[in-house]
Protein backbone atom coordinates (compact mmCIF):
# COMPACT_ATOMS: atom_id res chain seq x y z
CA MET A 1 -23.86 -0.31 -27.10
CA ARG A 2 -20.36 -0.80 -25.73
CA LYS A 3 -19.30 0.43 -22.36
CA SER A 4 -16.46 2.88 -22.31
CA GLU A 5 -13.38 2.10 -20.24
CA LYS A 6 -14.33 4.85 -17.80
CA ASP A 7 -17.78 3.31 -17.22
CA LYS A 8 -16.27 -0.13 -16.70
CA ARG A 9 -13.81 1.20 -14.13
CA LYS A 10 -16.53 3.13 -12.31
CA GLU A 11 -18.75 0.05 -12.07
CA GLU A 12 -15.84 -2.00 -10.74
CA ARG A 13 -15.17 0.60 -8.03
CA MET A 14 -18.84 0.94 -7.12
CA GLN A 15 -19.47 -2.67 -6.24
CA ASN A 16 -21.01 -3.61 -2.92
CA LEU A 17 -18.43 -3.73 -0.17
CA GLU A 18 -18.76 -6.71 2.12
CA TRP A 19 -18.67 -6.24 5.88
CA LYS A 20 -16.27 -9.15 6.34
CA ASP A 21 -13.77 -7.40 4.06
CA ILE A 22 -13.91 -3.91 5.59
CA LYS A 23 -14.29 -4.66 9.28
CA ASP A 24 -10.53 -5.13 9.70
CA TRP A 25 -9.46 -2.00 7.79
CA ASP A 26 -7.67 0.73 9.71
CA ASN A 27 -9.14 4.24 9.93
CA LYS A 28 -6.83 5.71 7.30
CA LYS A 29 -7.88 3.16 4.71
CA VAL A 30 -11.56 3.66 5.58
CA ASP A 31 -11.24 7.45 5.31
CA ALA A 32 -9.48 7.19 1.95
CA LYS A 33 -12.20 4.92 0.56
CA VAL A 34 -14.99 7.20 1.86
CA ILE A 35 -13.36 10.20 0.16
CA GLU A 36 -12.98 8.23 -3.06
CA ILE A 37 -16.63 7.14 -3.09
CA ARG A 38 -17.89 10.63 -2.24
CA ARG A 39 -15.85 12.05 -5.12
CA GLU A 40 -17.30 9.45 -7.48
CA LEU A 41 -20.84 10.23 -6.29
CA PHE A 42 -20.20 13.93 -6.87
CA ASP A 43 -18.92 13.26 -10.39
CA MET A 44 -21.94 11.08 -11.14
CA ARG A 45 -24.32 13.78 -9.89
CA MET A 46 -22.62 16.36 -12.14
CA GLN A 47 -22.86 14.01 -15.09
CA LYS A 48 -26.53 13.34 -14.29
CA VAL A 49 -27.32 17.06 -14.33
CA ALA A 50 -25.30 17.81 -17.44
CA ALA A 51 -26.24 14.98 -19.75
CA GLY A 52 -28.18 12.38 -17.84
CA TYR A 53 -26.82 9.28 -16.19
CA ASP A 54 -27.93 5.84 -17.25
CA LYS A 55 -26.90 3.91 -14.11
CA PRO A 56 -28.91 5.35 -11.22
CA HIS A 57 -28.44 2.18 -9.15
CA LEU A 58 -24.79 3.17 -8.57
CA PHE A 59 -25.91 6.11 -6.41
CA LYS A 60 -27.64 3.73 -4.01
CA ILE A 61 -24.66 1.37 -3.91
CA GLY A 62 -22.28 4.25 -3.24
CA LYS A 63 -24.35 5.60 -0.36
CA LYS A 64 -24.66 2.16 1.21
CA ASN A 65 -20.91 1.62 0.90
CA ILE A 66 -20.23 4.90 2.69
CA ALA A 67 -22.58 3.86 5.49
CA LYS A 68 -20.83 0.48 5.83
CA LEU A 69 -17.42 2.15 5.93
CA LEU A 70 -18.42 4.69 8.56
CA THR A 71 -20.02 1.95 10.66
CA ALA A 72 -16.80 -0.08 10.46
CA LYS A 73 -14.78 2.98 11.45
CA ASN A 74 -17.06 3.63 14.42
CA SER A 75 -16.91 0.03 15.61
CA ASN A 76 -13.11 0.07 15.32
CA ALA A 77 -13.00 3.21 17.46
CA LYS A 78 -15.08 1.50 20.14
CA GLY A 79 -12.92 -1.61 20.03
CA ASP A 80 -15.64 -3.93 18.73
CA LYS A 81 -14.78 -6.54 16.13
């Protein structure tokens, strides 16, 4: 079974974010990424309810990415690097 273009793009966006990459982001970039991931999680939940979703591991990755982003934002606010 072939993956649709939409599924490919969603998997590319929902990859694990590395701490070394996001620790230097400014707050605006972090906030934008958090909003983007939350929107994707919402869309996946709606798809799961409507027709089933065959990639449940992406929920876990998305939640972990949000936690990493918010931790980076908090450490930037405190001045830690």
